[in-house]
C-alpha cells in the first residue's frame, strides 16, 4: 500500500532527500537535467518502506520513479508515451 507522508510529521532526516531522488530518477531515465519538465517529488511509504515518488516529462514521455529514501536505489519505474 502506498501512503503519502507529511515530512513535517515523519521528517526526512537520515534519507537521501528529494533533490537527490530527482537527480537519480532523471539520470536513470537517461534524460538531461535541463530537459526534464514538471518534476514533482513526493515522500511516501510503501508497505512501511520510506520512498520518494518522482514524476517528470520530457519531449514525448512521462516518467514515474520510486526511489528508496535510505539507499537511493531505484525500486520501480514506469514510462508512458505522451499523445
Protein backbone atom coordinates (compact mmCIF):
# COMPACT_ATOMS: atom_id res chain seq x y z
CA UNK A 1 0.00 0.00 0.00
CA UNK A 2 1.33 3.44 -0.94
CA UNK A 3 0.80 6.13 1.64
CA UNK A 4 1.79 9.80 1.24
CA UNK A 5 3.74 11.18 4.19
CA UNK A 6 3.99 14.67 5.54
CA UNK A 7 7.67 15.38 6.06
CA UNK A 8 6.80 17.67 8.97
CA UNK A 9 5.27 14.65 10.74
CA UNK A 10 7.82 11.98 9.88
CA UNK A 11 10.86 14.03 8.88
CA UNK A 12 13.30 13.22 6.14
CA UNK A 13 16.38 13.13 8.37
CA UNK A 14 18.58 10.17 7.51
CA UNK A 15 17.23 9.93 3.98
CA UNK A 16 18.81 10.99 0.68
CA UNK A 17 16.44 13.95 0.19
CA UNK A 18 14.07 14.99 -2.58
CA UNK A 19 16.76 16.72 -4.68
CA UNK A 20 18.96 13.60 -4.74
CA UNK A 21 15.94 11.42 -5.58
CA UNK A 22 15.14 13.70 -8.53
CA UNK A 23 18.73 13.52 -9.77
CA UNK A 24 18.73 9.71 -9.53
CA UNK A 25 15.42 9.36 -11.36
CA UNK A 26 16.24 11.77 -14.20
CA UNK A 27 19.72 10.30 -14.63
CA UNK A 28 18.36 6.73 -14.61
CA UNK A 29 15.91 7.68 -17.34
CA UNK A 30 18.77 9.00 -19.48
CA UNK A 31 17.16 12.43 -19.61
CA UNK A 32 19.33 15.55 -19.40
CA UNK A 33 18.58 17.53 -16.24
CA UNK A 34 17.66 20.63 -18.25
CA UNK A 35 15.20 18.65 -20.39
CA UNK A 36 13.12 17.13 -17.56
CA UNK A 37 9.99 19.21 -17.05
CA UNK A 38 7.19 19.31 -14.48
CA UNK A 39 9.32 17.43 -11.92
CA UNK A 40 7.26 16.52 -8.87
CA UNK A 41 8.56 14.59 -5.86
CA UNK A 42 6.53 13.08 -3.02
CA UNK A 43 7.83 11.47 0.16
CA UNK A 44 5.81 8.24 0.52
CA UNK A 45 5.69 4.94 2.34
CA UNK A 46 5.25 1.61 0.53
CA UNK A 47 4.49 -1.17 2.98
CA UNK A 48 6.42 0.71 5.67
CA UNK A 49 9.43 1.46 3.43
CA UNK A 50 10.15 5.18 3.02
CA UNK A 51 10.49 6.22 -0.62
CA UNK A 52 10.39 9.16 -2.98
CA UNK A 53 7.98 9.09 -5.92
CA UNK A 54 9.45 11.22 -8.70
CA UNK A 55 7.33 12.14 -11.74
CA UNK A 56 8.50 14.16 -14.74
CA UNK A 57 8.14 14.53 -18.51
CA UNK A 58 10.44 15.13 -21.45
CA UNK A 59 9.78 15.53 -25.17
CA UNK A 60 7.19 12.80 -25.62
CA UNK A 61 7.40 10.64 -22.47
CA UNK A 62 6.01 10.67 -18.96
CA UNK A 63 8.18 9.06 -16.27
CA UNK A 64 7.40 7.83 -12.77
CA UNK A 65 10.15 6.51 -10.49
CA UNK A 66 10.09 5.09 -6.99
CA UNK A 67 13.40 5.69 -5.20
CA UNK A 68 14.34 4.12 -1.85
CA UNK A 69 14.70 7.05 0.55
CA UNK A 70 17.52 5.44 2.55
CA UNK A 71 19.73 3.91 -0.14
CA UNK A 72 18.82 5.85 -3.29
CA UNK A 73 18.20 2.64 -5.23
CA UNK A 74 15.55 2.59 -7.94
CA UNK A 75 12.68 0.38 -6.81
CA UNK A 76 10.27 0.81 -9.72
CA UNK A 77 9.90 2.70 -12.97
CA UNK A 78 7.07 3.47 -15.36
CA UNK A 79 7.44 5.18 -18.73
CA UNK A 80 4.50 6.18 -20.91
CA UNK A 81 4.46 7.83 -24.32
CA UNK A 82 2.60 11.12 -24.40
CA UNK A 83 -0.04 11.59 -27.10
